[in-house]
C-alpha atoms as a PDB file:
ATOM      1  CA  MET A   1      -0.096  -0.074  -0.332  1.00  0.00           C
ATOM      2  CA  HIS A   2       1.190   3.431  -0.828  1.00  0.00           C
ATOM      3  CA  THR A   3       0.574   6.554   0.975  1.00  0.00           C
ATOM      4  CA  ILE A   4       0.627  10.037  -0.757  1.00  0.00           C
ATOM      5  CA  GLU A   5       1.874  12.923   1.657  1.00  0.00           C
ATOM      6  CA  THR A   6       1.219  16.562   0.488  1.00  0.00           C
ATOM      7  CA  ASN A   7       4.430  18.868   0.238  1.00  0.00           C
ATOM      8  CA  GLU A   8       4.204  22.267   2.604  1.00  0.00           C
ATOM      9  CA  LYS A   9       2.446  23.931  -0.460  1.00  0.00           C
ATOM     10  CA  GLU A  10      -0.374  21.646  -0.909  1.00  0.00           C
ATOM     11  CA  SER A  11      -0.774  21.358   2.757  1.00  0.00           C
ATOM     12  CA  GLU A  12      -0.379  25.279   3.101  1.00  0.00           C
ATOM     13  CA  PHE A  13      -3.204  25.740   0.252  1.00  0.00           C
ATOM     14  CA  ILE A  14      -5.880  22.835   1.800  1.00  0.00           C
ATOM     15  CA  SER A  15      -5.595  24.098   5.428  1.00  0.00           C
ATOM     16  CA  ALA A  16      -6.511  28.002   3.986  1.00  0.00           C
ATOM     17  CA  TYR A  17      -9.389  26.149   2.131  1.00  0.00           C
ATOM     18  CA  LEU A  18     -10.571  24.475   4.904  1.00  0.00           C
ATOM     19  CA  GLU A  19     -10.475  27.651   7.026  1.00  0.00           C
ATOM     20  CA  ALA A  20     -12.609  29.378   4.434  1.00  0.00           C
ATOM     21  CA  ILE A  21     -15.198  26.497   5.014  1.00  0.00           C
ATOM     22  CA  ASP A  22     -15.009  27.297   8.426  1.00  0.00           C
ATOM     23  CA  PHE A  23     -15.440  31.136   8.191  1.00  0.00           C
ATOM     24  CA  THR A  24     -18.518  30.829   6.059  1.00  0.00           C
ATOM     25  CA  GLU A  25     -20.408  27.786   7.351  1.00  0.00           C
ATOM     26  CA  LEU A  26     -19.710  27.875  10.957  1.00  0.00           C
ATOM     27  CA  GLY A  27     -21.363  29.627  13.815  1.00  0.00           C
ATOM     28  CA  GLU A  28     -24.076  31.882  12.276  1.00  0.00           C
ATOM     29  CA  GLU A  29     -28.081  31.359  12.923  1.00  0.00           C
ATOM     30  CA  GLY A  30     -28.872  27.820  11.303  1.00  0.00           C
ATOM     31  CA  GLN A  31     -25.428  26.736  11.183  1.00  0.00           C
ATOM     32  CA  PRO A  32     -23.185  24.210  12.864  1.00  0.00           C
ATOM     33  CA  PRO A  33     -21.746  25.536  15.847  1.00  0.00           C
ATOM     34  CA  ILE A  34     -17.909  26.929  15.664  1.00  0.00           C
ATOM     35  CA  ASP A  35     -16.591  23.962  17.100  1.00  0.00           C
ATOM     36  CA  ALA A  36     -18.181  21.534  14.349  1.00  0.00           C
ATOM     37  CA  ASP A  37     -16.076  18.797  13.159  1.00  0.00           C
ATOM     38  CA  ILE A  38     -16.148  18.464   9.237  1.00  0.00           C
ATOM     39  CA  ASP A  39     -17.164  15.014   7.851  1.00  0.00           C
ATOM     40  CA  GLU A  40     -14.616  12.739   7.142  1.00  0.00           C
ATOM     41  CA  ASP A  41     -16.205  12.169   3.798  1.00  0.00           C
ATOM     42  CA  PHE A  42     -16.693  15.772   2.950  1.00  0.00           C
ATOM     43  CA  LEU A  43     -12.974  16.274   4.040  1.00  0.00           C
ATOM     44  CA  ARG A  44     -11.391  13.689   2.337  1.00  0.00           C
ATOM     45  CA  LYS A  45     -13.423  14.950  -1.407  1.00  0.00           C
ATOM     46  CA  SER A  46     -12.479  18.625   0.033  1.00  0.00           C
ATOM     47  CA  VAL A  47      -8.883  17.472  -0.119  1.00  0.00           C
ATOM     48  CA  ILE A  48      -9.153  15.484  -3.335  1.00  0.00           C
ATOM     49  CA  ASP A  49     -10.848  18.849  -4.776  1.00  0.00           C
ATOM     50  CA  CYS A  50      -7.924  21.161  -3.864  1.00  0.00           C
ATOM     51  CA  LEU A  51      -4.966  18.872  -5.135  1.00  0.00           C
ATOM     52  CA  ALA A  52      -6.651  19.199  -8.353  1.00  0.00           C
ATOM     53  CA  PHE A  53      -7.243  22.748  -8.660  1.00  0.00           C
ATOM     54  CA  TYR A  54      -4.160  23.364  -6.792  1.00  0.00           C
ATOM     55  CA  SER A  55      -2.180  21.126  -9.593  1.00  0.00           C
ATOM     56  CA  ARG A  56      -3.757  23.544 -12.238  1.00  0.00           C
ATOM     57  CA  ILE A  57      -2.916  26.894 -10.973  1.00  0.00           C
ATOM     58  CA  ALA A  58       0.370  26.043  -8.943  1.00  0.00           C
ATOM     59  CA  CYS A  59       2.933  27.446 -11.576  1.00  0.00           C
ATOM     60  CA  TYR A  60       0.708  30.704 -11.603  1.00  0.00           C
ATOM     61  CA  LEU A  61       0.767  31.083  -7.863  1.00  0.00           C
ATOM     62  CA  SER A  62       4.032  32.868  -5.592  1.00  0.00           C
ATOM     63  CA  PRO A  63       4.567  31.750  -1.989  1.00  0.00           C
ATOM     64  CA  LYS A  64       2.648  34.821  -0.788  1.00  0.00           C
ATOM     65  CA  ASN A  65      -0.827  34.007  -2.542  1.00  0.00           C
ATOM     66  CA  ILE A  66      -0.627  30.430  -1.823  1.00  0.00           C
ATOM     67  CA  THR A  67      -3.023  30.802   1.618  1.00  0.00           C
ATOM     68  CA  GLN A  68      -5.171  33.609  -0.220  1.00  0.00           C
ATOM     69  CA  ALA A  69      -5.551  31.339  -3.359  1.00  0.00           C
ATOM     70  CA  GLY A  70      -6.971  28.176  -0.992  1.00  0.00           C
ATOM     71  CA  HIS A  71      -9.573  30.815   0.743  1.00  0.00           C
ATOM     72  CA  ASP A  72     -10.257  32.266  -2.867  1.00  0.00           C
ATOM     73  CA  PHE A  73     -11.226  28.330  -4.488  1.00  0.00           C
ATOM     74  CA  TRP A  74     -13.516  27.856  -1.589  1.00  0.00           C
ATOM     75  CA  LEU A  75     -15.581  31.258  -2.110  1.00  0.00           C
ATOM     76  CA  THR A  76     -15.434  31.748  -5.756  1.00  0.00           C
ATOM     77  CA  ARG A  77     -16.616  28.004  -6.241  1.00  0.00           C
ATOM     78  CA  ASN A  78     -19.462  28.440  -4.273  1.00  0.00           C
ATOM     79  CA  GLY A  79     -20.147  32.048  -5.563  1.00  0.00           C
ATOM     80  CA  HIS A  80     -19.159  33.950  -2.208  1.00  0.00           C
ATOM     81  CA  GLY A  81     -18.882  37.699  -2.624  1.00  0.00           C
ATOM     82  CA  ALA A  82     -15.473  37.518  -3.026  1.00  0.00           C
ATOM     83  CA  GLY A  83     -13.127  35.570  -4.932  1.00  0.00           C
ATOM     84  CA  PHE A  84     -10.295  35.295  -7.371  1.00  0.00           C
ATOM     85  CA  TRP A  85     -11.868  37.881  -9.614  1.00  0.00           C
ATOM     86  CA  ALA A  86     -12.363  40.370  -7.230  1.00  0.00           C
ATOM     87  CA  LYS A  87      -8.364  40.396  -6.554  1.00  0.00           C
ATOM     88  CA  PRO A  88      -6.125  41.255  -9.507  1.00  0.00           C
ATOM     89  CA  GLU A  89      -3.710  43.014  -7.003  1.00  0.00           C
ATOM     90  CA  LEU A  90      -2.197  39.184  -5.934  1.00  0.00           C
ATOM     91  CA  TYR A  91      -2.919  36.953  -9.028  1.00  0.00           C
ATOM     92  CA  GLY A  92      -2.644  39.664 -12.076  1.00  0.00           C
ATOM     93  CA  ASN A  93      -4.173  38.410 -15.361  1.00  0.00           C
ATOM     94  CA  SER A  94      -5.203  34.984 -13.792  1.00  0.00           C
ATOM     95  CA  CYS A  95      -8.031  36.612 -11.899  1.00  0.00           C
ATOM     96  CA  ALA A  96     -10.521  35.042 -14.705  1.00  0.00           C
ATOM     97  CA  TYR A  97      -8.595  32.077 -15.771  1.00  0.00           C
ATOM     98  CA  PHE A  98      -8.616  31.068 -11.793  1.00  0.00           C
ATOM     99  CA  SER A  99     -12.475  31.937 -11.553  1.00  0.00           C
ATOM    100  CA  LYS A 100     -13.316  29.480 -14.471  1.00  0.00           C
ATOM    101  CA  ILE A 101     -11.464  26.778 -13.312  1.00  0.00           C
ATOM    102  CA  ALA A 102     -12.728  27.136  -9.672  1.00  0.00           C
ATOM    103  CA  ARG A 103     -16.196  26.906 -11.127  1.00  0.00           C
ATOM    104  CA  SER A 104     -15.740  24.508 -13.184  1.00  0.00           C
ATOM    105  CA  PHE A 105     -15.665  22.392 -10.024  1.00  0.00           C
ATOM    106  CA  GLY A 106     -19.171  23.266  -9.006  1.00  0.00           C
ATOM    107  CA  GLU A 107     -20.584  24.350  -5.703  1.00  0.00           C
ATOM    108  CA  ALA A 108     -19.680  22.716  -2.694  1.00  0.00           C
ATOM    109  CA  ASN A 109     -22.338  21.587  -0.018  1.00  0.00           C
ATOM    110  CA  ALA A 110     -20.056  21.384   3.581  1.00  0.00           C
ATOM    111  CA  VAL A 111     -21.012  18.378   5.521  1.00  0.00           C
ATOM    112  CA  PHE A 112     -20.374  18.092   9.447  1.00  0.00           C
ATOM    113  CA  ASP A 113     -20.467  15.641  11.971  1.00  0.00           C
ATOM    114  CA  GLN A 114     -23.256  15.707  14.171  1.00  0.00           C
ATOM    115  CA  LEU A 115     -22.692  16.728  17.590  1.00  0.00           C
ATOM    116  CA  GLY A 116     -22.662  13.635  20.087  1.00  0.00           C
ATOM    117  CA  GLU A 117     -22.487  10.782  17.778  1.00  0.00           C
END
């Protein structure tokens, strides 16, 4: 059996993506509590999506915008109020390209474990 480990940049991107999920999906009225855990199957799919997306844009990123790109992948694919398209100062002419790829993944609905189970 082989195990795949993410490198430092991939891990940074994935962590930022997961932080964006927590920011937009937890703690408000009608949402799970701020300390809810992401469902294991949803987490697995999120990591796969992040690696697939990151592999397509990594050559355009600098070490300074990897974290923001992780956040922006979640925000863009789900149509939140900010995302790649709103940050030309970070992504230059790649804003539209990143947005198009992110939207091609479709929206994702975060799933959290039921507390107490």
